[in-house]
Amino acid sequence: MSEVSLPEFFPEFGFQDERDSVNEILPRLFLTNFRGAADLKTLQLQNISCVVCVNGAADDNPHPKELAYLNIEGVEDEESHSETLCSHLKDAGLFIHQRRQEGKGVVVHCAAGISRSSTIVLFYLMQHEGMSLRGAFVHLKSKRRIVWPNCGLMKVLGECEAEIFGLSAPTISPVDYGEWSSFDIEAYNAAKEVDRL
């Protein structure tokens, strides 16, 4: 019986401490979840003064006097909301770019720091750092292994990549990504333990 091979990438959603960590993606650009973004002491230690909050209302900002916020509201982590988030990508990317150029640290977050916020960071890496989608994804996963945009968001990112770089196809195909998304590493590891005599 042939062994199933590991896909190139697969989702790892990590433990709570990994979700709460404030990970530096580039100098002055960070990614976390809502708990990490509420930890003012940690943010200040990393010289973060600006926040991009996905699906947070201005009334919910925990530190409005200490931090500058860009709130993106009405975007759930559902494939049907991918076009809504897409309409905010350029504004969010510009906000991040301008603040970083001013020497300010920016943290991007959503609820878990896995899908919506990573979509914004991936777009930023393509639009403002010149990375391909594949290159941006590899870089982002090396800094925060639990990132994994839902399939709808990754499809939108592929479309953005094609537009930004004039490509006929994205460097991560929606079909491949869909297959990687359904891969279960725990089931894979359990299957490897089975005696196949």
Protein backbone atom coordinates (compact mmCIF):
# COMPACT_ATOMS: atom_id res chain seq x y z
CA MET A 1 0.00 0.00 0.00
CA SER A 2 1.47 3.38 -0.96
CA GLU A 3 1.86 5.97 1.76
CA VAL A 4 0.05 9.29 1.39
CA SER A 5 2.58 12.07 1.02
CA LEU A 6 2.49 15.29 2.97
CA PRO A 7 1.10 18.24 1.04
CA GLU A 8 3.33 21.24 0.52
CA PHE A 9 1.47 23.14 3.26
CA PHE A 10 -1.29 22.17 5.65
CA PRO A 11 -3.22 23.97 8.39
CA GLU A 12 -1.94 23.90 11.96
CA PHE A 13 -4.14 25.81 14.37
CA GLY A 14 -1.82 25.56 17.35
CA PHE A 15 -2.35 26.06 21.03
CA GLN A 16 -3.79 29.08 22.80
CA ASP A 17 -0.36 30.53 23.63
CA GLU A 18 0.56 30.43 19.92
CA ARG A 19 -2.63 32.28 19.03
CA ASP A 20 -2.05 34.87 21.75
CA SER A 21 1.58 35.52 20.79
CA VAL A 22 2.44 38.74 18.99
CA ASN A 23 4.60 37.59 16.08
CA GLU A 24 6.93 39.93 14.21
CA ILE A 25 6.47 39.35 10.47
CA LEU A 26 8.71 42.19 9.26
CA PRO A 27 10.31 45.04 11.17
CA ARG A 28 7.41 47.08 12.61
CA LEU A 29 4.74 44.62 11.32
CA PHE A 30 3.16 42.11 13.67
CA LEU A 31 0.31 39.57 13.66
CA THR A 32 -1.73 38.27 16.60
CA ASN A 33 -5.24 37.46 17.83
CA PHE A 34 -7.63 39.64 19.85
CA ARG A 35 -5.97 38.71 23.16
CA GLY A 36 -2.51 39.63 21.91
CA ALA A 37 -3.87 42.94 20.58
CA ALA A 38 -5.39 43.74 23.99
CA ASP A 39 -2.10 43.17 25.84
CA LEU A 40 -0.94 46.79 25.99
CA LYS A 41 2.25 46.04 27.92
CA THR A 42 3.45 43.53 25.28
CA LEU A 43 2.51 45.88 22.43
CA GLN A 44 4.37 48.78 24.03
CA LEU A 45 7.45 46.62 24.63
CA GLN A 46 7.52 45.95 20.86
CA ASN A 47 6.96 49.65 20.03
CA ILE A 48 3.54 48.95 18.50
CA SER A 49 1.37 52.05 18.36
CA CYS A 50 -1.09 51.16 15.56
CA VAL A 51 -3.65 48.37 15.18
CA VAL A 52 -5.56 46.94 12.22
CA CYS A 53 -8.56 45.18 13.73
CA VAL A 54 -10.66 42.89 11.52
CA ASN A 55 -14.31 42.70 12.57
CA GLY A 56 -13.99 45.02 15.50
CA ALA A 57 -16.10 48.09 16.09
CA ALA A 58 -14.42 51.30 17.24
CA ASP A 59 -16.39 51.06 20.50
CA ASP A 60 -14.62 47.74 21.22
CA ASN A 61 -11.05 49.05 20.88
CA PRO A 62 -9.42 48.26 24.23
CA HIS A 63 -6.83 51.09 24.18
CA PRO A 64 -8.16 54.00 22.09
CA LYS A 65 -6.09 56.61 23.97
CA GLU A 66 -2.80 54.75 23.61
CA LEU A 67 -3.12 53.21 20.12
CA ALA A 68 -4.30 54.32 16.66
CA TYR A 69 -6.85 51.91 15.17
CA LEU A 70 -8.10 51.00 11.72
CA ASN A 71 -11.27 48.94 12.22
CA ILE A 72 -12.62 46.68 9.48
CA GLU A 73 -16.16 45.73 10.46
CA GLY A 74 -18.67 43.18 9.20
CA VAL A 75 -16.24 40.51 8.04
CA GLU A 76 -16.69 37.06 9.55
CA ASP A 77 -14.28 34.17 8.92
CA GLU A 78 -16.53 32.68 6.28
CA GLU A 79 -15.86 32.17 2.59
CA SER A 80 -18.97 34.19 1.76
CA HIS A 81 -17.34 37.26 3.38
CA SER A 82 -14.18 37.15 1.27
CA GLU A 83 -15.34 39.83 -1.18
CA THR A 84 -16.20 42.14 1.74
CA LEU A 85 -12.70 41.82 3.18
CA CYS A 86 -11.25 42.22 -0.32
CA SER A 87 -12.77 45.69 -0.55
CA HIS A 88 -10.68 46.74 2.49
CA LEU A 89 -7.31 45.22 1.50
CA LYS A 90 -5.86 48.27 -0.26
CA ASP A 91 -6.86 50.66 2.55
CA ALA A 92 -5.45 48.32 5.19
CA GLY A 93 -2.25 47.84 3.20
CA LEU A 94 -1.82 51.60 2.81
CA PHE A 95 -2.47 52.17 6.53
CA ILE A 96 0.23 49.62 7.42
CA HIS A 97 2.67 50.97 4.83
CA GLN A 98 2.33 54.61 5.89
CA ARG A 99 2.66 53.83 9.61
CA ARG A 100 5.72 51.64 9.06
CA GLN A 101 7.33 54.37 6.95
CA GLU A 102 6.73 56.75 9.86
CA GLY A 103 8.68 54.32 12.05
CA LYS A 104 5.61 53.08 13.91
CA GLY A 105 4.90 49.46 14.76
CA VAL A 106 1.63 48.01 13.47
CA VAL A 107 -0.15 44.88 14.64
CA VAL A 108 -2.88 43.20 12.57
CA HIS A 109 -5.40 40.98 14.33
CA CYS A 110 -8.72 39.19 14.02
CA ALA A 111 -10.29 36.80 16.53
CA ALA A 112 -7.75 33.97 16.28
CA GLY A 113 -4.95 35.54 14.23
CA ILE A 114 -5.24 32.75 11.67
CA SER A 115 -7.41 33.65 8.66
CA ARG A 116 -8.67 37.22 8.20
CA SER A 117 -5.69 39.03 9.70
CA SER A 118 -3.24 36.81 7.83
CA THR A 119 -5.07 37.67 4.60
CA ILE A 120 -4.37 41.36 5.19
CA VAL A 121 -0.70 40.67 5.94
CA LEU A 122 -0.34 38.45 2.85
CA PHE A 123 -1.84 41.20 0.69
CA TYR A 124 0.54 43.72 2.24
CA LEU A 125 3.55 41.50 1.53
CA MET A 126 2.52 41.26 -2.12
CA GLN A 127 1.45 44.88 -2.66
CA HIS A 128 4.13 46.70 -0.69
CA GLU A 129 7.02 44.22 -0.35
CA GLY A 130 6.87 42.72 -3.87
CA MET A 131 6.51 39.11 -2.71
CA SER A 132 4.59 36.54 -4.72
CA LEU A 133 1.64 34.93 -2.95
CA ARG A 134 3.64 31.73 -2.51
CA GLY A 135 6.68 33.63 -1.23
CA ALA A 136 4.53 35.69 1.14
CA PHE A 137 2.79 32.57 2.43
CA VAL A 138 6.08 30.75 3.05
CA HIS A 139 7.47 33.81 4.83
CA LEU A 140 4.34 34.30 6.95
CA LYS A 141 4.16 30.64 8.01
CA SER A 142 7.84 30.79 9.01
CA LYS A 143 6.98 33.63 11.41
CA ARG A 144 3.57 32.38 12.64
CA ARG A 145 3.00 28.73 11.78
CA ILE A 146 -0.74 28.80 12.54
CA VAL A 147 -1.74 31.19 9.73
CA TRP A 148 -4.28 29.75 7.28
CA PRO A 149 -6.72 31.97 5.33
CA ASN A 150 -9.97 30.24 4.46
CA CYS A 151 -10.27 29.03 0.85
CA GLY A 152 -12.41 32.00 -0.22
CA LEU A 153 -9.86 34.48 1.08
CA MET A 154 -6.98 32.62 -0.55
CA LYS A 155 -8.85 32.69 -3.86
CA VAL A 156 -9.18 36.47 -3.53
CA LEU A 157 -5.46 36.74 -2.71
CA GLY A 158 -4.67 34.75 -5.87
CA GLU A 159 -6.74 37.21 -7.89
CA CYS A 160 -4.94 40.12 -6.23
CA GLU A 161 -1.57 38.54 -7.01
CA ALA A 162 -2.52 38.13 -10.68
CA GLU A 163 -3.58 41.79 -10.81
CA ILE A 164 -0.52 43.13 -8.96
CA PHE A 165 2.05 41.18 -10.98
CA GLY A 166 0.19 40.67 -14.28
CA LEU A 167 0.12 36.88 -13.93
CA SER A 168 -2.20 34.53 -15.78
CA ALA A 169 -2.46 32.25 -12.72
CA PRO A 170 -1.65 32.60 -9.02
CA THR A 171 1.45 30.99 -7.56
CA ILE A 172 -0.78 28.98 -5.20
CA SER A 173 -3.72 27.52 -7.10
CA PRO A 174 -7.16 27.44 -5.44
CA VAL A 175 -7.38 23.69 -6.19
CA ASP A 176 -4.08 22.90 -4.46
CA TYR A 177 -4.95 25.13 -1.52
CA GLY A 178 -8.34 23.46 -1.14
CA GLU A 179 -6.65 20.07 -0.99
CA TRP A 180 -4.07 21.31 1.53
CA SER A 181 -6.87 22.84 3.62
CA SER A 182 -8.61 19.49 4.02
CA PHE A 183 -5.42 17.69 5.09
CA ASP A 184 -5.52 16.42 8.67
CA ILE A 185 -2.02 16.06 10.10
CA GLU A 186 -3.28 14.16 13.16
CA ALA A 187 -5.03 11.58 10.98
CA TYR A 188 -1.90 11.35 8.85
CA ASN A 189 0.34 10.76 11.85
CA ALA A 190 -2.09 8.20 13.32
CA ALA A 191 -2.16 6.32 9.98
CA LYS A 192 1.65 6.16 9.96
CA GLU A 193 1.54 4.37 13.33
CA VAL A 194 -0.60 1.53 11.93
CA ASP A 195 1.25 -1.75 11.24
CA ARG A 196 0.84 -2.40 7.51
CA LEU A 197 2.06 -6.02 7.38
